[in-house]
């Protein structure tokens, strides 16, 4: 299929005439035997059309030719891609894809033909989102824009796989980099502050929850999805099998991040705290009687119903305020657990397994801020071992 050039003269309503050149390919015949053609163009000059024809012929011979289509970005994403993703993604991930595309992508490039999306158009989109993409004022963070880029990369890759695009425009786009200033500062407590907080909240209803999070590094959703049969009191371990997450503020049960079950060993104090929590819950069952909803969850409201993840975070913030301690997020208890474990000399591989990270190298990258202090301590220990004195 070599294609041929076709010249057309267009006359506007004012009588002005313009000449456009088109590349035309025969792509078979209809069921009635009529010849089917695909037109590419129009180009201002014959030379431009010749260059385009040569490129299209190469695409045909290489098997990457894509027929011209008026399918828009919105048509592809809303009608075809998003529905296909619903069964492939976790509910929370699917919700974030849908929200970001609807809020930040489709209003800007949704009406454009899918085939007209270029790296340059995507770079312009990213710049606009960084400047004033936040509906509450200001721009989106570099991290959020990169997440949007990742979503679009997947959407366009799937469009290419279906023969709707020759190449993936997101592959050559340049999303913002995450540098030191764009990364959110990680806040953690030292061991003394954490101990003070746990002592202060020990008799509060959610005191056991704060203790378990601090001693295991579990994620919020993993704690709320923990069931009694996930605790092996004899072997002193917790098995992470479930997680409760918020999707459009609705509580949804899901699987742990990376879809992997993991085991976390726990200490004697955590065993005692969990036994205390068991006694508290048995008291709730007696009080609420037939009105108690028993879902076998370890941490619940007084009537047995699940605690909303956002509500747990808000309760943590109020507890910090009552204790008059430096403010950190609930997720920072996980960071605190990891940081203290590294400072205590726990092997990185063990910390990575406890946290459920994809690899020890990811753990090292996450907590690189701890390494300088550890390096200094290591230097002193080595000097003491070799020279018999501290350097």
Protein backbone atom coordinates (compact mmCIF):
# COMPACT_ATOMS: atom_id res chain seq x y z
CA UNK A 1 0.00 0.00 0.00
CA UNK A 2 1.82 3.08 -1.31
CA UNK A 3 -0.97 5.64 -1.24
CA UNK A 4 -1.36 8.59 -3.60
CA UNK A 5 -1.69 12.37 -3.35
CA UNK A 6 -4.91 14.23 -3.95
CA UNK A 7 -5.30 17.99 -4.33
CA UNK A 8 -8.47 19.75 -3.27
CA UNK A 9 -9.50 23.38 -3.56
CA UNK A 10 -11.73 24.72 -0.78
CA UNK A 11 -13.83 27.85 -1.11
CA UNK A 12 -14.85 29.74 2.02
CA UNK A 13 -18.13 31.62 2.52
CA UNK A 14 -16.33 34.84 1.64
CA UNK A 15 -15.21 33.38 -1.68
CA UNK A 16 -11.58 32.87 -0.69
CA UNK A 17 -10.04 29.71 -2.12
CA UNK A 18 -7.34 27.57 -0.54
CA UNK A 19 -5.58 24.48 -1.80
CA UNK A 20 -4.90 21.49 0.42
CA UNK A 21 -3.02 18.29 -0.31
CA UNK A 22 -4.07 14.91 1.07
CA UNK A 23 -2.49 11.47 1.29
CA UNK A 24 -5.04 8.81 0.35
CA UNK A 25 -4.76 5.08 1.10
CA UNK A 26 -7.00 2.29 -0.18
CA UNK A 27 -7.90 0.11 2.82
CA UNK A 28 -10.12 -2.51 1.22
CA UNK A 29 -13.72 -2.62 0.12
CA UNK A 30 -17.12 -2.50 1.76
CA UNK A 31 -19.50 -5.49 1.82
CA UNK A 32 -21.07 -4.08 -1.35
CA UNK A 33 -17.71 -3.97 -3.11
CA UNK A 34 -17.23 -0.22 -2.86
CA UNK A 35 -13.65 0.91 -2.43
CA UNK A 36 -12.76 2.20 1.07
CA UNK A 37 -10.23 5.00 1.41
CA UNK A 38 -8.53 6.79 4.30
CA UNK A 39 -7.50 10.42 3.87
CA UNK A 40 -4.63 12.07 5.72
CA UNK A 41 -4.19 15.84 5.61
CA UNK A 42 -4.66 18.43 4.54
CA UNK A 43 -1.23 19.80 3.93
CA UNK A 44 -0.43 23.26 2.61
CA UNK A 45 2.03 22.09 -0.03
CA UNK A 46 2.62 19.04 -2.19
CA UNK A 47 6.08 18.66 -0.60
CA UNK A 48 4.56 18.37 2.91
CA UNK A 49 2.14 15.75 1.63
CA UNK A 50 4.97 13.79 -0.02
CA UNK A 51 6.93 13.73 3.25
CA UNK A 52 3.83 12.58 5.14
CA UNK A 53 3.10 9.89 2.52
CA UNK A 54 6.64 8.52 2.82
CA UNK A 55 6.30 8.27 6.62
CA UNK A 56 2.90 6.61 6.32
CA UNK A 57 4.22 4.05 3.83
CA UNK A 58 6.98 3.13 6.28
CA UNK A 59 4.35 2.75 9.02
CA UNK A 60 2.32 0.46 6.76
CA UNK A 61 5.32 -1.72 5.98
CA UNK A 62 6.37 -1.80 9.67
CA UNK A 63 2.87 -2.80 10.74
CA UNK A 64 2.27 0.33 12.86
CA UNK A 65 -0.05 2.18 10.50
CA UNK A 66 -3.05 3.69 12.27
CA UNK A 67 -6.13 4.66 10.34
CA UNK A 68 -7.23 8.28 10.91
CA UNK A 69 -10.05 8.55 13.41
CA UNK A 70 -12.19 11.29 14.94
CA UNK A 71 -12.26 9.44 18.29
CA UNK A 72 -11.64 12.01 21.03
CA UNK A 73 -9.67 11.61 24.24
CA UNK A 74 -12.95 11.75 26.16
CA UNK A 75 -14.53 9.09 23.92
CA UNK A 76 -11.61 6.75 24.52
CA UNK A 77 -11.20 7.33 28.27
CA UNK A 78 -14.83 7.65 29.40
CA UNK A 79 -16.55 5.18 27.09
CA UNK A 80 -13.90 2.51 26.67
CA UNK A 81 -10.81 2.74 28.87
CA UNK A 82 -12.21 3.60 32.30
CA UNK A 83 -14.92 0.88 32.14
CA UNK A 84 -12.27 -1.69 31.22
CA UNK A 85 -10.14 -0.65 34.22
CA UNK A 86 -12.88 -1.21 36.79
CA UNK A 87 -12.23 -4.96 36.99
CA UNK A 88 -8.44 -4.60 36.87
CA UNK A 89 -7.82 -2.10 39.68
CA UNK A 90 -8.51 -1.85 43.36
CA UNK A 91 -11.59 0.24 44.11
CA UNK A 92 -9.49 3.02 45.68
CA UNK A 93 -7.09 3.15 42.70
CA UNK A 94 -9.96 3.14 40.21
CA UNK A 95 -11.63 6.00 42.10
CA UNK A 96 -8.45 8.09 42.05
CA UNK A 97 -7.98 7.46 38.30
CA UNK A 98 -11.54 8.53 37.57
CA UNK A 99 -11.47 11.62 39.81
CA UNK A 100 -8.16 12.92 38.45
CA UNK A 101 -9.14 12.39 34.83
CA UNK A 102 -12.54 14.04 35.26
CA UNK A 103 -11.20 17.01 37.24
CA UNK A 104 -7.82 17.69 35.70
CA UNK A 105 -7.52 16.11 32.26
CA UNK A 106 -10.81 15.89 30.36
CA UNK A 107 -11.83 19.56 30.81
CA UNK A 108 -8.60 20.57 28.99
CA UNK A 109 -7.88 17.92 26.34
CA UNK A 110 -11.00 15.75 26.43
CA UNK A 111 -12.54 17.16 23.25
CA UNK A 112 -9.34 16.83 21.21
CA UNK A 113 -8.97 13.93 18.76
CA UNK A 114 -6.98 11.14 20.38
CA UNK A 115 -4.57 11.08 17.43
CA UNK A 116 -3.73 14.76 17.94
CA UNK A 117 -2.35 14.35 21.45
CA UNK A 118 1.37 15.05 21.41
CA UNK A 119 4.08 15.22 24.08
CA UNK A 120 3.97 19.01 23.70
CA UNK A 121 0.24 19.12 24.48
CA UNK A 122 0.78 16.96 27.55
CA UNK A 123 3.66 19.13 28.76
CA UNK A 124 1.39 22.18 28.44
CA UNK A 125 -1.27 20.35 30.46
CA UNK A 126 1.22 19.50 33.22
CA UNK A 127 2.48 23.10 33.38
CA UNK A 128 -1.08 24.42 33.67
CA UNK A 129 -1.90 21.95 36.45
CA UNK A 130 1.23 22.95 38.38
CA UNK A 131 0.26 26.63 38.14
CA UNK A 132 -3.48 26.64 38.82
CA UNK A 133 -4.81 23.09 38.70
CA UNK A 134 -6.14 23.06 42.26
CA UNK A 135 -9.87 23.84 42.33
CA UNK A 136 -9.39 25.45 45.76
CA UNK A 137 -6.77 27.82 44.39
CA UNK A 138 -3.14 27.52 43.38
CA UNK A 139 -1.47 24.62 41.63
CA UNK A 140 -1.28 20.89 42.13
CA UNK A 141 1.78 19.32 43.70
CA UNK A 142 4.46 17.78 41.50
CA UNK A 143 3.60 14.41 43.01
CA UNK A 144 -0.07 14.71 41.96
CA UNK A 145 0.84 15.81 38.43
CA UNK A 146 3.23 12.88 38.08
CA UNK A 147 0.43 10.57 39.21
CA UNK A 148 -1.82 12.06 36.51
CA UNK A 149 0.98 11.50 33.98
CA UNK A 150 1.26 7.85 35.04
CA UNK A 151 -2.49 7.41 34.57
CA UNK A 152 -2.39 8.97 31.11
CA UNK A 153 0.63 6.88 30.18
CA UNK A 154 -1.38 3.76 30.90
CA UNK A 155 -4.47 5.05 29.05
CA UNK A 156 -2.49 5.95 25.92
CA UNK A 157 -0.47 2.73 26.04
CA UNK A 158 -3.70 0.74 25.97
CA UNK A 159 -4.97 2.89 23.08
CA UNK A 160 -1.77 2.12 21.17
CA UNK A 161 -2.20 -1.61 21.88
CA UNK A 162 -5.69 -1.41 20.38
CA UNK A 163 -4.33 0.16 17.20
CA UNK A 164 -5.76 3.61 17.89
CA UNK A 165 -2.37 5.33 18.24
CA UNK A 166 0.91 4.79 16.47
CA UNK A 167 2.94 5.73 19.54
CA UNK A 168 2.27 6.63 23.16
CA UNK A 169 2.62 10.44 23.46
CA UNK A 170 3.14 10.19 27.22
CA UNK A 171 6.40 8.28 26.70
CA UNK A 172 8.13 11.45 25.46
CA UNK A 173 6.26 13.89 27.70
CA UNK A 174 8.13 15.42 30.63
CA UNK A 175 6.19 15.41 33.91
CA UNK A 176 7.67 17.46 36.80
CA UNK A 177 10.46 15.89 38.76
CA UNK A 178 10.21 15.20 42.46
CA UNK A 179 13.10 17.11 43.95
CA UNK A 180 13.91 17.86 47.56
CA UNK A 181 11.58 20.86 47.67
CA UNK A 182 8.62 19.06 46.08
CA UNK A 183 8.72 16.07 48.41
CA UNK A 184 6.64 16.36 51.54
CA UNK A 185 8.77 16.45 54.66
CA UNK A 186 8.56 13.23 56.64
CA UNK A 187 7.73 13.87 60.30
CA UNK A 188 8.54 11.29 62.94
CA UNK A 189 8.73 11.09 66.72
CA UNK A 190 11.74 9.97 68.67
CA UNK A 191 11.36 7.02 71.04
CA UNK A 192 10.79 9.23 74.09
CA UNK A 193 7.97 11.19 72.45
CA UNK A 194 6.31 8.03 71.18
CA UNK A 195 6.53 6.45 74.62
CA UNK A 196 4.99 9.57 76.19
CA UNK A 197 2.09 9.44 73.72
CA UNK A 198 1.41 5.74 74.29
CA UNK A 199 1.47 6.24 78.09
CA UNK A 200 -0.88 9.21 77.81
CA UNK A 201 -3.43 7.30 75.68
CA UNK A 202 -3.09 3.87 77.28
CA UNK A 203 -6.53 4.02 78.95
CA UNK A 204 -8.33 5.68 76.04
CA UNK A 205 -10.59 3.62 73.80
CA UNK A 206 -8.27 3.90 70.82
CA UNK A 207 -5.10 3.59 72.89
CA UNK A 208 -4.63 -0.05 71.78
CA UNK A 209 -4.91 1.02 68.14
CA UNK A 210 -2.13 3.60 68.53
CA UNK A 211 0.02 0.99 70.28
CA UNK A 212 -0.42 -1.65 67.56
CA UNK A 213 0.29 0.86 64.78
CA UNK A 214 3.44 2.06 66.57
CA UNK A 215 4.77 -1.43 67.25
CA UNK A 216 4.05 -2.96 63.83
CA UNK A 217 4.26 -0.18 61.25
CA UNK A 218 0.90 -1.27 59.84
CA UNK A 219 -1.00 0.99 57.48
CA UNK A 220 -4.24 2.60 58.67
CA UNK A 221 -6.43 0.44 56.44
CA UNK A 222 -4.60 -2.72 57.51
CA UNK A 223 -5.29 -1.98 61.16
CA UNK A 224 -8.98 -1.35 60.50
CA UNK A 225 -9.25 -4.52 58.41
CA UNK A 226 -7.56 -6.69 61.06
CA UNK A 227 -9.71 -9.59 62.27
CA UNK A 228 -9.31 -11.71 65.35
CA UNK A 229 -8.46 -14.78 63.30
CA UNK A 230 -5.56 -12.78 61.79
CA UNK A 231 -3.84 -12.79 65.20
CA UNK A 232 -1.81 -15.82 66.27
CA UNK A 233 -1.46 -15.26 70.01
CA UNK A 234 0.54 -18.47 70.46
CA UNK A 235 3.19 -17.63 67.87
CA UNK A 236 2.98 -13.89 68.62
CA UNK A 237 2.31 -12.71 65.11
CA UNK A 238 -0.21 -10.78 63.04
CA UNK A 239 -1.17 -11.81 59.52
CA UNK A 240 -2.11 -8.95 57.20
CA UNK A 241 -4.85 -10.23 54.89
CA UNK A 242 -7.43 -7.44 54.64
CA UNK A 243 -7.64 -3.68 54.53
CA UNK A 244 -10.49 -1.18 54.87
CA UNK A 245 -10.21 1.88 52.64
CA UNK A 246 -12.37 4.91 51.90
CA UNK A 247 -13.65 5.28 48.33
CA UNK A 248 -15.84 8.37 47.87
CA UNK A 249 -16.13 8.26 51.69
CA UNK A 250 -17.64 4.76 51.56
CA UNK A 251 -15.81 2.03 53.49
CA UNK A 252 -14.62 -0.69 51.09
CA UNK A 253 -12.83 -3.92 52.00
CA UNK A 254 -9.77 -4.56 49.87
CA UNK A 255 -6.48 -6.46 49.87
CA UNK A 256 -3.16 -5.14 51.23
CA UNK A 257 -1.02 -2.98 49.02
CA UNK A 258 0.73 -5.03 46.32
CA UNK A 259 -1.99 -7.66 46.94
CA UNK A 260 0.42 -9.59 49.19
CA UNK A 261 -0.37 -11.18 52.54
CA UNK A 262 2.43 -10.71 55.08
CA UNK A 263 3.30 -11.71 58.63
CA UNK A 264 4.41 -9.28 61.35
CA UNK A 265 5.93 -10.64 64.56
CA UNK A 266 4.82 -8.79 67.70
CA UNK A 267 6.24 -8.36 71.20
CA UNK A 268 4.75 -9.35 74.56
CA UNK A 269 3.46 -5.85 75.32
CA UNK A 270 1.47 -5.84 72.08
CA UNK A 271 0.04 -9.26 72.94
CA UNK A 272 -1.14 -7.84 76.29
CA UNK A 273 -2.63 -4.77 74.58
CA UNK A 274 -4.55 -6.98 72.15
CA UNK A 275 -5.88 -9.08 75.02
CA UNK A 276 -7.02 -5.85 76.66
CA UNK A 277 -8.75 -4.87 73.42
CA UNK A 278 -10.46 -8.27 73.37
CA UNK A 279 -11.81 -7.67 76.88
CA UNK A 280 -13.06 -4.21 75.86
CA UNK A 281 -14.86 -5.62 72.86
CA UNK A 282 -16.46 -8.41 74.90
CA UNK A 283 -17.79 -5.70 77.20
CA UNK A 284 -19.24 -3.88 74.18
CA UNK A 285 -20.98 -7.07 73.05
CA UNK A 286 -22.60 -7.45 76.46
CA UNK A 287 -23.71 -3.81 76.54
CA UNK A 288 -25.12 -3.72 73.01
CA UNK A 289 -26.45 -7.29 73.08
CA UNK A 290 -28.48 -8.06 69.94
CA UNK A 291 -27.73 -4.62 68.53
CA UNK A 292 -24.03 -5.43 68.32
CA UNK A 293 -22.71 -5.97 64.78
CA UNK A 294 -20.05 -8.66 64.99
CA UNK A 295 -17.78 -8.52 61.94
CA UNK A 296 -14.89 -10.11 63.90
CA UNK A 297 -12.85 -6.91 63.44
CA UNK A 298 -10.32 -6.10 66.16
CA UNK A 299 -10.86 -2.33 66.16
CA UNK A 300 -14.42 -1.07 65.78
CA UNK A 301 -16.93 1.41 67.11
CA UNK A 302 -18.70 0.47 70.34
CA UNK A 303 -21.53 -1.23 68.40
CA UNK A 304 -19.10 -3.34 66.37
CA UNK A 305 -19.42 -1.42 63.11
CA UNK A 306 -16.23 -0.46 61.23
CA UNK A 307 -14.35 2.73 62.01
CA UNK A 308 -14.07 5.04 59.01
CA UNK A 309 -10.39 5.55 58.03
CA UNK A 310 -10.77 9.34 58.03
CA UNK A 311 -12.40 9.21 61.47
CA UNK A 312 -9.42 7.25 62.81
CA UNK A 313 -7.01 9.91 61.52
CA UNK A 314 -9.09 12.68 63.09
CA UNK A 315 -9.15 10.84 66.42
CA UNK A 316 -5.36 10.57 66.29
CA UNK A 317 -5.01 14.32 65.71
CA UNK A 318 -7.25 15.05 68.71
CA UNK A 319 -5.23 12.64 70.88
CA UNK A 320 -1.99 14.44 69.98
CA UNK A 321 -3.54 17.78 70.85
CA UNK A 322 -4.67 16.48 74.24
CA UNK A 323 -1.20 15.09 74.91
CA UNK A 324 0.35 18.43 73.82
CA UNK A 325 2.95 16.74 71.61
CA UNK A 326 4.48 17.74 68.24
CA UNK A 327 1.92 17.20 65.49
CA UNK A 328 2.43 14.31 63.07
CA UNK A 329 0.01 12.48 60.76
CA UNK A 330 -1.36 9.06 61.62
CA UNK A 331 0.67 7.60 58.73
CA UNK A 332 3.77 9.03 60.37
CA UNK A 333 3.46 6.39 63.12
CA UNK A 334 4.45 3.96 60.36
CA UNK A 335 7.42 6.14 59.45
CA UNK A 336 8.31 6.43 63.14
CA UNK A 337 8.29 2.63 63.50
CA UNK A 338 10.60 2.24 60.50
CA UNK A 339 12.96 5.00 61.58
CA UNK A 340 13.32 3.70 65.13
CA UNK A 341 13.86 0.17 63.79
CA UNK A 342 16.70 1.39 61.56
CA UNK A 343 18.25 3.32 64.44
CA UNK A 344 18.04 0.17 66.56
CA UNK A 345 20.05 -1.73 63.95
CA UNK A 346 17.24 -3.95 62.65
CA UNK A 347 18.28 -5.31 59.21
CA UNK A 348 16.75 -3.44 56.29
CA UNK A 349 15.33 -6.65 54.83
CA UNK A 350 13.41 -7.33 58.05
CA UNK A 351 12.06 -3.77 58.19
CA UNK A 352 11.02 -4.01 54.55
CA UNK A 353 9.14 -7.26 55.23
CA UNK A 354 7.37 -5.82 58.27
CA UNK A 355 6.25 -2.75 56.33
CA UNK A 356 5.18 -4.73 53.28
CA UNK A 357 7.48 -2.84 50.91
CA UNK A 358 8.17 -4.20 47.44
CA UNK A 359 11.91 -4.48 48.15
CA UNK A 360 14.60 -3.54 50.71
CA UNK A 361 15.96 -0.99 48.21
CA UNK A 362 12.62 0.84 48.29
CA UNK A 363 12.83 0.92 52.10
CA UNK A 364 16.35 2.34 51.92
CA UNK A 365 15.18 5.05 49.53
CA UNK A 366 12.19 5.94 51.73
CA UNK A 367 14.26 6.32 54.87
CA UNK A 368 17.53 7.65 53.49
CA UNK A 369 17.27 10.54 55.97
CA UNK A 370 18.18 8.13 58.77
CA UNK A 371 21.38 6.92 57.10
CA UNK A 372 23.69 9.89 57.86
CA UNK A 373 23.20 9.42 61.61
CA UNK A 374 23.68 5.67 61.28
CA UNK A 375 26.86 6.23 59.26
CA UNK A 376 28.30 8.41 62.04
CA UNK A 377 27.40 5.81 64.68
CA UNK A 378 28.94 3.07 62.55
CA UNK A 379 32.16 5.05 62.19
CA UNK A 380 32.41 5.44 65.97
CA UNK A 381 31.70 1.75 66.58
CA UNK A 382 34.35 0.66 64.06
CA UNK A 383 36.90 3.05 65.50
CA UNK A 384 36.19 1.79 69.02
CA UNK A 385 36.57 -1.82 67.86
CA UNK A 386 39.87 -1.23 66.07
CA UNK A 387 41.52 1.48 68.18
CA UNK A 388 39.86 0.81 71.51
CA UNK A 389 38.56 4.37 71.74
CA UNK A 390 35.78 6.53 70.39
CA UNK A 391 36.62 8.84 67.49
